[in-house]
All heavy atoms as atom14 arrays in JSON, in Angstrom:
{
  "sequence": "DPALEDASVSLGASERETFFHVSLPLVLPGLTAIWVMVFIRTMVAYV",
  "atom14_mask": [
    [1, 1, 1, 1, 1, 1, 1, 1, 0, 0, 0, 0, 0, 0],
    [1, 1, 1, 1, 1, 1, 1, 0, 0, 0, 0, 0, 0, 0],
    [1, 1, 1, 1, 1, 0, 0, 0, 0, 0, 0, 0, 0, 0],
    [1, 1, 1, 1, 1, 1, 1, 1, 0, 0, 0, 0, 0, 0],
    [1, 1, 1, 1, 1, 1, 1, 1, 1, 0, 0, 0, 0, 0],
    [1, 1, 1, 1, 1, 1, 1, 1, 0, 0, 0, 0, 0, 0],
    [1, 1, 1, 1, 1, 0, 0, 0, 0, 0, 0, 0, 0, 0],
    [1, 1, 1, 1, 1, 1, 0, 0, 0, 0, 0, 0, 0, 0],
    [1, 1, 1, 1, 1, 1, 1, 0, 0, 0, 0, 0, 0, 0],
    [1, 1, 1, 1, 1, 1, 0, 0, 0, 0, 0, 0, 0, 0],
    [1, 1, 1, 1, 1, 1, 1, 1, 0, 0, 0, 0, 0, 0],
    [1, 1, 1, 1, 0, 0, 0, 0, 0, 0, 0, 0, 0, 0],
    [1, 1, 1, 1, 1, 0, 0, 0, 0, 0, 0, 0, 0, 0],
    [1, 1, 1, 1, 1, 1, 0, 0, 0, 0, 0, 0, 0, 0],
    [1, 1, 1, 1, 1, 1, 1, 1, 1, 0, 0, 0, 0, 0],
    [1, 1, 1, 1, 1, 1, 1, 1, 1, 1, 1, 0, 0, 0],
    [1, 1, 1, 1, 1, 1, 1, 1, 1, 0, 0, 0, 0, 0],
    [1, 1, 1, 1, 1, 1, 1, 0, 0, 0, 0, 0, 0, 0],
    [1, 1, 1, 1, 1, 1, 1, 1, 1, 1, 1, 0, 0, 0],
    [1, 1, 1, 1, 1, 1, 1, 1, 1, 1, 1, 0, 0, 0],
    [1, 1, 1, 1, 1, 1, 1, 1, 1, 1, 0, 0, 0, 0],
    [1, 1, 1, 1, 1, 1, 1, 0, 0, 0, 0, 0, 0, 0],
    [1, 1, 1, 1, 1, 1, 0, 0, 0, 0, 0, 0, 0, 0],
    [1, 1, 1, 1, 1, 1, 1, 1, 0, 0, 0, 0, 0, 0],
    [1, 1, 1, 1, 1, 1, 1, 0, 0, 0, 0, 0, 0, 0],
    [1, 1, 1, 1, 1, 1, 1, 1, 0, 0, 0, 0, 0, 0],
    [1, 1, 1, 1, 1, 1, 1, 0, 0, 0, 0, 0, 0, 0],
    [1, 1, 1, 1, 1, 1, 1, 1, 0, 0, 0, 0, 0, 0],
    [1, 1, 1, 1, 1, 1, 1, 0, 0, 0, 0, 0, 0, 0],
    [1, 1, 1, 1, 0, 0, 0, 0, 0, 0, 0, 0, 0, 0],
    [1, 1, 1, 1, 1, 1, 1, 1, 0, 0, 0, 0, 0, 0],
    [1, 1, 1, 1, 1, 1, 1, 0, 0, 0, 0, 0, 0, 0],
    [1, 1, 1, 1, 1, 0, 0, 0, 0, 0, 0, 0, 0, 0],
    [1, 1, 1, 1, 1, 1, 1, 1, 0, 0, 0, 0, 0, 0],
    [1, 1, 1, 1, 1, 1, 1, 1, 1, 1, 1, 1, 1, 1],
    [1, 1, 1, 1, 1, 1, 1, 0, 0, 0, 0, 0, 0, 0],
    [1, 1, 1, 1, 1, 1, 1, 1, 0, 0, 0, 0, 0, 0],
    [1, 1, 1, 1, 1, 1, 1, 0, 0, 0, 0, 0, 0, 0],
    [1, 1, 1, 1, 1, 1, 1, 1, 1, 1, 1, 0, 0, 0],
    [1, 1, 1, 1, 1, 1, 1, 1, 0, 0, 0, 0, 0, 0],
    [1, 1, 1, 1, 1, 1, 1, 1, 1, 1, 1, 0, 0, 0],
    [1, 1, 1, 1, 1, 1, 1, 0, 0, 0, 0, 0, 0, 0],
    [1, 1, 1, 1, 1, 1, 1, 1, 0, 0, 0, 0, 0, 0],
    [1, 1, 1, 1, 1, 1, 1, 0, 0, 0, 0, 0, 0, 0],
    [1, 1, 1, 1, 1, 0, 0, 0, 0, 0, 0, 0, 0, 0],
    [1, 1, 1, 1, 1, 1, 1, 1, 1, 1, 1, 1, 0, 0],
    [1, 1, 1, 1, 1, 1, 1, 0, 0, 0, 0, 0, 0, 0]
  ],
  "atom14_positions": [
    [[100.99, 110.27, 99.22], [101.42, 111.15, 100.4], [100.97, 112.61, 100.26], [101.49, 113.26, 99.4], [102.98, 110.95, 100.55], [103.46, 111.54, 101.78], [102.72, 112.22, 102.58], [104.7, 111.38, 102.1], [0.0, 0.0, 0.0], [0.0, 0.0, 0.0], [0.0, 0.0, 0.0], [0.0, 0.0, 0.0], [0.0, 0.0, 0.0], [0.0, 0.0, 0.0]],
    [[100.09, 113.09, 101.18], [99.72, 114.53, 101.1], [100.94, 115.44, 101.12], [100.81, 116.63, 100.56], [98.83, 114.64, 102.37], [98.34, 113.32, 102.6], [99.57, 112.4, 102.33], [0.0, 0.0, 0.0], [0.0, 0.0, 0.0], [0.0, 0.0, 0.0], [0.0, 0.0, 0.0], [0.0, 0.0, 0.0], [0.0, 0.0, 0.0], [0.0, 0.0, 0.0]],
    [[101.99, 115.07, 101.77], [103.14, 116.01, 101.86], [103.68, 116.36, 100.41], [104.26, 117.41, 100.23], [104.25, 115.42, 102.71], [0.0, 0.0, 0.0], [0.0, 0.0, 0.0], [0.0, 0.0, 0.0], [0.0, 0.0, 0.0], [0.0, 0.0, 0.0], [0.0, 0.0, 0.0], [0.0, 0.0, 0.0], [0.0, 0.0, 0.0], [0.0, 0.0, 0.0]],
    [[103.61, 115.44, 99.56], [104.01, 115.62, 98.14], [103.23, 116.67, 97.45], [103.77, 117.55, 96.77], [104.11, 114.32, 97.36], [104.99, 113.22, 97.89], [104.84, 111.91, 97.1], [106.44, 113.7, 97.84], [0.0, 0.0, 0.0], [0.0, 0.0, 0.0], [0.0, 0.0, 0.0], [0.0, 0.0, 0.0], [0.0, 0.0, 0.0], [0.0, 0.0, 0.0]],
    [[101.92, 116.58, 97.6], [101.05, 117.68, 97.06], [101.2, 118.97, 97.7], [101.22, 120.01, 97.04], [99.63, 117.18, 97.1], [99.32, 115.86, 96.37], [97.88, 115.43, 96.52], [97.25, 115.61, 97.58], [97.4, 114.89, 95.52], [0.0, 0.0, 0.0], [0.0, 0.0, 0.0], [0.0, 0.0, 0.0], [0.0, 0.0, 0.0], [0.0, 0.0, 0.0]],
    [[101.39, 118.99, 99.0], [101.65, 120.22, 99.77], [102.93, 120.87, 99.35], [102.99, 122.07, 99.17], [101.68, 119.97, 101.27], [100.32, 119.48, 101.75], [99.31, 119.76, 101.08], [100.23, 118.87, 102.9], [0.0, 0.0, 0.0], [0.0, 0.0, 0.0], [0.0, 0.0, 0.0], [0.0, 0.0, 0.0], [0.0, 0.0, 0.0], [0.0, 0.0, 0.0]],
    [[103.93, 120.07, 99.16], [105.19, 120.67, 98.63], [105.09, 121.22, 97.23], [105.62, 122.37, 97.02], [106.32, 119.49, 98.62], [0.0, 0.0, 0.0], [0.0, 0.0, 0.0], [0.0, 0.0, 0.0], [0.0, 0.0, 0.0], [0.0, 0.0, 0.0], [0.0, 0.0, 0.0], [0.0, 0.0, 0.0], [0.0, 0.0, 0.0], [0.0, 0.0, 0.0]],
    [[104.29, 120.58, 96.35], [104.08, 121.15, 95.08], [103.37, 122.48, 95.15], [103.68, 123.39, 94.38], [103.27, 120.11, 94.16], [102.95, 120.74, 92.93], [0.0, 0.0, 0.0], [0.0, 0.0, 0.0], [0.0, 0.0, 0.0], [0.0, 0.0, 0.0], [0.0, 0.0, 0.0], [0.0, 0.0, 0.0], [0.0, 0.0, 0.0], [0.0, 0.0, 0.0]],
    [[102.33, 122.6, 95.92], [101.57, 123.84, 96.13], [102.57, 124.94, 96.73], [102.38, 126.04, 96.28], [100.35, 123.6, 96.98], [99.66, 124.94, 97.27], [99.44, 122.7, 96.3], [0.0, 0.0, 0.0], [0.0, 0.0, 0.0], [0.0, 0.0, 0.0], [0.0, 0.0, 0.0], [0.0, 0.0, 0.0], [0.0, 0.0, 0.0], [0.0, 0.0, 0.0]],
    [[103.31, 124.53, 97.75], [104.16, 125.57, 98.37], [105.26, 126.11, 97.37], [105.72, 127.24, 97.61], [104.88, 124.9, 99.58], [105.78, 123.83, 99.13], [0.0, 0.0, 0.0], [0.0, 0.0, 0.0], [0.0, 0.0, 0.0], [0.0, 0.0, 0.0], [0.0, 0.0, 0.0], [0.0, 0.0, 0.0], [0.0, 0.0, 0.0], [0.0, 0.0, 0.0]],
    [[105.48, 125.33, 96.32], [106.46, 125.79, 95.27], [105.8, 126.68, 94.22], [106.49, 127.06, 93.2], [107.18, 124.61, 94.71], [108.13, 123.84, 95.58], [108.74, 122.61, 94.91], [109.29, 124.75, 96.12], [0.0, 0.0, 0.0], [0.0, 0.0, 0.0], [0.0, 0.0, 0.0], [0.0, 0.0, 0.0], [0.0, 0.0, 0.0], [0.0, 0.0, 0.0]],
    [[104.55, 126.87, 94.4], [103.78, 127.78, 93.5], [102.98, 127.09, 92.42], [102.38, 127.74, 91.62], [0.0, 0.0, 0.0], [0.0, 0.0, 0.0], [0.0, 0.0, 0.0], [0.0, 0.0, 0.0], [0.0, 0.0, 0.0], [0.0, 0.0, 0.0], [0.0, 0.0, 0.0], [0.0, 0.0, 0.0], [0.0, 0.0, 0.0], [0.0, 0.0, 0.0]],
    [[102.83, 125.81, 92.49], [102.04, 125.09, 91.46], [100.6, 125.18, 91.77], [100.24, 125.26, 93.03], [102.46, 123.59, 91.38], [0.0, 0.0, 0.0], [0.0, 0.0, 0.0], [0.0, 0.0, 0.0], [0.0, 0.0, 0.0], [0.0, 0.0, 0.0], [0.0, 0.0, 0.0], [0.0, 0.0, 0.0], [0.0, 0.0, 0.0], [0.0, 0.0, 0.0]],
    [[99.73, 125.28, 90.85], [98.32, 125.3, 91.02], [97.8, 123.83, 91.35], [98.58, 122.87, 91.22], [97.59, 125.85, 89.85], [97.77, 125.01, 88.68], [0.0, 0.0, 0.0], [0.0, 0.0, 0.0], [0.0, 0.0, 0.0], [0.0, 0.0, 0.0], [0.0, 0.0, 0.0], [0.0, 0.0, 0.0], [0.0, 0.0, 0.0], [0.0, 0.0, 0.0]],
    [[96.58, 123.87, 91.75], [95.98, 122.47, 92.07], [95.93, 121.62, 90.76], [96.23, 120.48, 90.81], [94.57, 122.61, 92.61], [93.88, 121.28, 92.98], [92.55, 121.47, 93.65], [92.18, 122.65, 93.89], [91.89, 120.44, 93.77], [0.0, 0.0, 0.0], [0.0, 0.0, 0.0], [0.0, 0.0, 0.0], [0.0, 0.0, 0.0], [0.0, 0.0, 0.0]],
    [[95.66, 122.25, 89.61], [95.63, 121.52, 88.38], [97.04, 120.95, 87.97], [97.22, 119.89, 87.58], [95.12, 122.44, 87.26], [95.15, 121.79, 85.92], [94.55, 122.69, 84.87], [94.53, 122.1, 83.55], [93.99, 122.66, 82.42], [93.63, 123.91, 82.52], [94.08, 122.06, 81.26], [0.0, 0.0, 0.0], [0.0, 0.0, 0.0], [0.0, 0.0, 0.0]],
    [[98.04, 121.87, 88.2], [99.44, 121.47, 87.82], [99.91, 120.36, 88.79], [100.55, 119.41, 88.41], [100.41, 122.7, 87.97], [100.12, 123.72, 86.85], [100.99, 124.91, 87.12], [101.18, 125.27, 88.26], [101.32, 125.6, 86.06], [0.0, 0.0, 0.0], [0.0, 0.0, 0.0], [0.0, 0.0, 0.0], [0.0, 0.0, 0.0], [0.0, 0.0, 0.0]],
    [[99.51, 120.41, 90.07], [99.85, 119.43, 91.04], [99.19, 118.08, 90.7], [99.81, 117.06, 90.89], [99.41, 119.87, 92.5], [100.07, 121.14, 92.87], [99.75, 118.79, 93.55], [0.0, 0.0, 0.0], [0.0, 0.0, 0.0], [0.0, 0.0, 0.0], [0.0, 0.0, 0.0], [0.0, 0.0, 0.0], [0.0, 0.0, 0.0], [0.0, 0.0, 0.0]],
    [[97.98, 118.16, 90.2], [97.32, 116.9, 89.8], [97.96, 116.15, 88.72], [98.31, 114.98, 88.77], [95.85, 117.17, 89.46], [95.05, 116.09, 88.94], [94.68, 115.02, 89.65], [94.93, 115.97, 87.59], [93.95, 113.87, 89.1], [94.24, 114.91, 86.89], [93.8, 113.83, 87.74], [0.0, 0.0, 0.0], [0.0, 0.0, 0.0], [0.0, 0.0, 0.0]],
    [[98.28, 116.99, 87.64], [98.86, 116.44, 86.4], [100.33, 115.99, 86.6], [100.79, 115.1, 85.9], [98.62, 117.32, 85.24], [97.28, 117.37, 84.64], [96.42, 118.38, 84.88], [96.84, 116.19, 83.96], [95.16, 118.34, 84.37], [95.54, 116.14, 83.41], [94.7, 117.21, 83.69], [0.0, 0.0, 0.0], [0.0, 0.0, 0.0], [0.0, 0.0, 0.0]],
    [[101.05, 116.72, 87.5], [102.55, 116.51, 87.52], [102.93, 115.74, 88.77], [104.11, 115.32, 88.85], [103.29, 117.88, 87.4], [103.08, 118.56, 86.16], [103.69, 118.26, 84.96], [102.33, 119.69, 85.87], [103.32, 119.0, 83.98], [102.48, 120.01, 84.51], [0.0, 0.0, 0.0], [0.0, 0.0, 0.0], [0.0, 0.0, 0.0], [0.0, 0.0, 0.0]],
    [[102.01, 115.63, 89.71], [102.52, 114.94, 90.96], [101.5, 113.77, 91.25], [101.92, 112.56, 91.27], [102.48, 115.88, 92.19], [102.79, 115.12, 93.46], [103.4, 117.03, 92.01], [0.0, 0.0, 0.0], [0.0, 0.0, 0.0], [0.0, 0.0, 0.0], [0.0, 0.0, 0.0], [0.0, 0.0, 0.0], [0.0, 0.0, 0.0], [0.0, 0.0, 0.0]],
    [[100.24, 114.09, 91.44], [99.25, 113.05, 91.88], [99.03, 112.01, 90.78], [99.09, 110.73, 91.06], [97.91, 113.67, 92.26], [98.07, 114.62, 93.26], [0.0, 0.0, 0.0], [0.0, 0.0, 0.0], [0.0, 0.0, 0.0], [0.0, 0.0, 0.0], [0.0, 0.0, 0.0], [0.0, 0.0, 0.0], [0.0, 0.0, 0.0], [0.0, 0.0, 0.0]],
    [[98.74, 112.41, 89.58], [98.41, 111.43, 88.43], [99.59, 110.55, 88.15], [99.41, 109.39, 87.99], [97.96, 112.22, 87.27], [97.42, 111.4, 86.09], [96.22, 110.5, 86.57], [96.98, 112.22, 84.92], [0.0, 0.0, 0.0], [0.0, 0.0, 0.0], [0.0, 0.0, 0.0], [0.0, 0.0, 0.0], [0.0, 0.0, 0.0], [0.0, 0.0, 0.0]],
    [[100.84, 111.12, 87.96], [101.99, 110.15, 87.74], [102.12, 109.14, 88.82], [102.51, 108.01, 88.49], [103.08, 111.12, 87.69], [102.67, 112.4, 87.2], [101.25, 112.51, 87.95], [0.0, 0.0, 0.0], [0.0, 0.0, 0.0], [0.0, 0.0, 0.0], [0.0, 0.0, 0.0], [0.0, 0.0, 0.0], [0.0, 0.0, 0.0], [0.0, 0.0, 0.0]],
    [[101.85, 109.45, 90.01], [102.08, 108.52, 91.17], [101.07, 107.37, 91.13], [101.52, 106.18, 91.41], [101.94, 109.27, 92.5], [103.19, 110.1, 92.94], [102.84, 110.87, 94.2], [104.35, 109.2, 93.17], [0.0, 0.0, 0.0], [0.0, 0.0, 0.0], [0.0, 0.0, 0.0], [0.0, 0.0, 0.0], [0.0, 0.0, 0.0], [0.0, 0.0, 0.0]],
    [[99.85, 107.62, 90.71], [98.82, 106.63, 90.68], [98.79, 105.96, 89.37], [97.86, 104.97, 89.2], [97.49, 107.14, 91.08], [97.56, 107.75, 92.55], [96.92, 108.18, 90.09], [0.0, 0.0, 0.0], [0.0, 0.0, 0.0], [0.0, 0.0, 0.0], [0.0, 0.0, 0.0], [0.0, 0.0, 0.0], [0.0, 0.0, 0.0], [0.0, 0.0, 0.0]],
    [[99.48, 106.38, 88.31], [99.37, 105.87, 86.94], [99.5, 104.38, 86.83], [98.75, 103.68, 86.21], [100.22, 106.61, 86.0], [100.09, 106.3, 84.5], [98.68, 106.68, 84.11], [101.13, 107.04, 83.66], [0.0, 0.0, 0.0], [0.0, 0.0, 0.0], [0.0, 0.0, 0.0], [0.0, 0.0, 0.0], [0.0, 0.0, 0.0], [0.0, 0.0, 0.0]],
    [[100.49, 103.75, 87.49], [100.6, 102.23, 87.52], [99.4, 101.57, 88.02], [98.95, 100.55, 87.45], [101.85, 101.91, 88.34], [102.65, 103.25, 88.43], [101.62, 104.31, 88.28], [0.0, 0.0, 0.0], [0.0, 0.0, 0.0], [0.0, 0.0, 0.0], [0.0, 0.0, 0.0], [0.0, 0.0, 0.0], [0.0, 0.0, 0.0], [0.0, 0.0, 0.0]],
    [[98.84, 102.18, 89.03], [97.58, 101.56, 89.68], [96.35, 101.78, 88.71], [95.59, 100.79, 88.61], [0.0, 0.0, 0.0], [0.0, 0.0, 0.0], [0.0, 0.0, 0.0], [0.0, 0.0, 0.0], [0.0, 0.0, 0.0], [0.0, 0.0, 0.0], [0.0, 0.0, 0.0], [0.0, 0.0, 0.0], [0.0, 0.0, 0.0], [0.0, 0.0, 0.0]],
    [[96.3, 102.9, 88.06], [95.28, 103.1, 87.08], [95.37, 102.14, 85.93], [94.31, 101.66, 85.31], [95.29, 104.52, 86.59], [94.9, 105.69, 87.6], [95.14, 106.98, 86.91], [93.53, 105.46, 88.04], [0.0, 0.0, 0.0], [0.0, 0.0, 0.0], [0.0, 0.0, 0.0], [0.0, 0.0, 0.0], [0.0, 0.0, 0.0], [0.0, 0.0, 0.0]],
    [[96.59, 101.76, 85.53], [96.8, 100.77, 84.47], [96.17, 99.5, 84.87], [95.5, 98.77, 84.09], [98.2, 100.68, 84.05], [98.76, 101.95, 83.78], [98.36, 99.78, 82.88], [0.0, 0.0, 0.0], [0.0, 0.0, 0.0], [0.0, 0.0, 0.0], [0.0, 0.0, 0.0], [0.0, 0.0, 0.0], [0.0, 0.0, 0.0], [0.0, 0.0, 0.0]],
    [[96.45, 99.14, 86.13], [95.88, 97.89, 86.63], [94.43, 97.9, 86.78], [93.67, 96.9, 86.4], [96.49, 97.59, 88.08], [0.0, 0.0, 0.0], [0.0, 0.0, 0.0], [0.0, 0.0, 0.0], [0.0, 0.0, 0.0], [0.0, 0.0, 0.0], [0.0, 0.0, 0.0], [0.0, 0.0, 0.0], [0.0, 0.0, 0.0], [0.0, 0.0, 0.0]],
    [[93.74, 98.95, 87.1], [92.33, 99.17, 87.11], [91.77, 99.04, 85.7], [90.76, 98.36, 85.52], [91.96, 100.52, 87.71], [92.33, 100.57, 89.18], [90.42, 100.77, 87.52], [92.11, 102.02, 89.77], [0.0, 0.0, 0.0], [0.0, 0.0, 0.0], [0.0, 0.0, 0.0], [0.0, 0.0, 0.0], [0.0, 0.0, 0.0], [0.0, 0.0, 0.0]],
    [[92.46, 99.57, 84.64], [92.09, 99.47, 83.31], [92.02, 97.99, 82.91], [91.04, 97.55, 82.3], [92.97, 100.21, 82.36], [92.56, 100.38, 80.96], [91.92, 101.38, 80.33], [92.75, 99.37, 79.92], [91.68, 101.13, 79.06], [92.19, 99.86, 78.77], [93.21, 98.06, 79.85], [92.12, 99.16, 77.59], [93.24, 97.41, 78.64], [92.67, 97.94, 77.49]],
    [[93.0, 97.25, 83.25], [93.06, 95.87, 82.93], [91.91, 95.07, 83.6], [91.26, 94.2, 82.98], [94.42, 95.28, 83.23], [94.37, 93.76, 83.04], [95.51, 95.94, 82.47], [0.0, 0.0, 0.0], [0.0, 0.0, 0.0], [0.0, 0.0, 0.0], [0.0, 0.0, 0.0], [0.0, 0.0, 0.0], [0.0, 0.0, 0.0], [0.0, 0.0, 0.0]],
    [[91.64, 95.33, 84.76], [90.61, 94.65, 85.65], [89.23, 94.93, 84.98], [88.46, 93.96, 84.83], [90.69, 95.04, 87.08], [89.64, 94.44, 87.95], [89.62, 92.71, 87.85], [91.09, 92.32, 88.83], [0.0, 0.0, 0.0], [0.0, 0.0, 0.0], [0.0, 0.0, 0.0], [0.0, 0.0, 0.0], [0.0, 0.0, 0.0], [0.0, 0.0, 0.0]],
    [[88.97, 96.17, 84.65], [87.72, 96.53, 84.0], [87.58, 95.82, 82.7], [86.48, 95.34, 82.22], [87.44, 98.03, 83.91], [86.24, 98.3, 83.12], [87.5, 98.7, 85.24], [0.0, 0.0, 0.0], [0.0, 0.0, 0.0], [0.0, 0.0, 0.0], [0.0, 0.0, 0.0], [0.0, 0.0, 0.0], [0.0, 0.0, 0.0], [0.0, 0.0, 0.0]],
    [[88.7, 95.77, 81.91], [88.7, 95.19, 80.58], [88.26, 93.66, 80.75], [87.46, 93.16, 80.0], [90.05, 95.31, 79.96], [90.21, 94.54, 78.66], [89.88, 95.15, 77.52], [90.72, 93.22, 78.63], [90.0, 94.54, 76.27], [90.83, 92.59, 77.42], [90.53, 93.24, 76.25], [0.0, 0.0, 0.0], [0.0, 0.0, 0.0], [0.0, 0.0, 0.0]],
    [[88.87, 93.01, 81.79], [88.58, 91.61, 82.03], [87.13, 91.41, 82.3], [86.41, 90.43, 81.77], [89.47, 91.04, 83.16], [90.91, 91.07, 82.79], [89.02, 89.55, 83.51], [91.85, 90.73, 83.94], [0.0, 0.0, 0.0], [0.0, 0.0, 0.0], [0.0, 0.0, 0.0], [0.0, 0.0, 0.0], [0.0, 0.0, 0.0], [0.0, 0.0, 0.0]],
    [[86.59, 92.24, 83.21], [85.25, 92.07, 83.66], [84.31, 92.28, 82.47], [83.26, 91.63, 82.35], [84.87, 93.1, 84.86], [85.67, 92.78, 86.04], [85.24, 91.47, 86.79], [83.8, 91.72, 87.2], [83.46, 92.21, 88.4], [84.37, 92.61, 89.21], [82.18, 92.3, 88.77], [0.0, 0.0, 0.0], [0.0, 0.0, 0.0], [0.0, 0.0, 0.0]],
    [[84.58, 93.27, 81.61], [83.72, 93.55, 80.43], [83.77, 92.44, 79.46], [82.73, 92.07, 78.75], [84.11, 94.86, 79.82], [84.22, 95.95, 80.74], [83.05, 95.17, 78.75], [0.0, 0.0, 0.0], [0.0, 0.0, 0.0], [0.0, 0.0, 0.0], [0.0, 0.0, 0.0], [0.0, 0.0, 0.0], [0.0, 0.0, 0.0], [0.0, 0.0, 0.0]],
    [[84.97, 91.76, 79.22], [85.16, 90.75, 78.31], [84.13, 89.56, 78.61], [83.71, 88.87, 77.69], [86.59, 90.2, 78.3], [87.53, 91.11, 77.56], [87.4, 90.85, 75.82], [88.07, 89.14, 75.59], [0.0, 0.0, 0.0], [0.0, 0.0, 0.0], [0.0, 0.0, 0.0], [0.0, 0.0, 0.0], [0.0, 0.0, 0.0], [0.0, 0.0, 0.0]],
    [[83.91, 89.3, 79.86], [83.04, 88.22, 80.2], [81.57, 88.52, 80.45], [80.78, 87.7, 80.92], [83.68, 87.43, 81.43], [85.01, 86.93, 81.12], [83.67, 88.3, 82.66], [0.0, 0.0, 0.0], [0.0, 0.0, 0.0], [0.0, 0.0, 0.0], [0.0, 0.0, 0.0], [0.0, 0.0, 0.0], [0.0, 0.0, 0.0], [0.0, 0.0, 0.0]],
    [[81.22, 89.73, 80.27], [79.85, 90.22, 80.6], [78.96, 90.11, 79.25], [79.43, 90.39, 78.21], [79.88, 91.7, 81.06], [0.0, 0.0, 0.0], [0.0, 0.0, 0.0], [0.0, 0.0, 0.0], [0.0, 0.0, 0.0], [0.0, 0.0, 0.0], [0.0, 0.0, 0.0], [0.0, 0.0, 0.0], [0.0, 0.0, 0.0], [0.0, 0.0, 0.0]],
    [[77.74, 89.77, 79.51], [76.82, 89.67, 78.36], [75.45, 90.07, 78.58], [74.6, 90.22, 77.7], [76.79, 88.22, 77.92], [76.02, 87.2, 78.66], [74.67, 86.97, 78.43], [76.62, 86.59, 79.67], [73.95, 86.11, 79.24], [75.89, 85.69, 80.53], [74.56, 85.41, 80.27], [73.97, 84.54, 81.09], [0.0, 0.0, 0.0], [0.0, 0.0, 0.0]],
    [[75.12, 90.54, 79.83], [73.79, 90.91, 80.05], [73.44, 92.2, 79.32], [72.25, 92.36, 78.85], [73.59, 91.19, 81.66], [72.23, 91.64, 81.93], [73.91, 89.92, 82.35], [0.0, 0.0, 0.0], [0.0, 0.0, 0.0], [0.0, 0.0, 0.0], [0.0, 0.0, 0.0], [0.0, 0.0, 0.0], [0.0, 0.0, 0.0], [0.0, 0.0, 0.0]]
  ]
}
């Protein structure tokens, strides 16, 4: 939700702080799922 990032910036956080404290924690579960999916694809690759 862009409103969450906008709220962080309006409270004085920098773009870097917003990324590490707002955006990244929100997507972390999805990133874990991506990690597992790439791991699976690599396990069966041999080319």
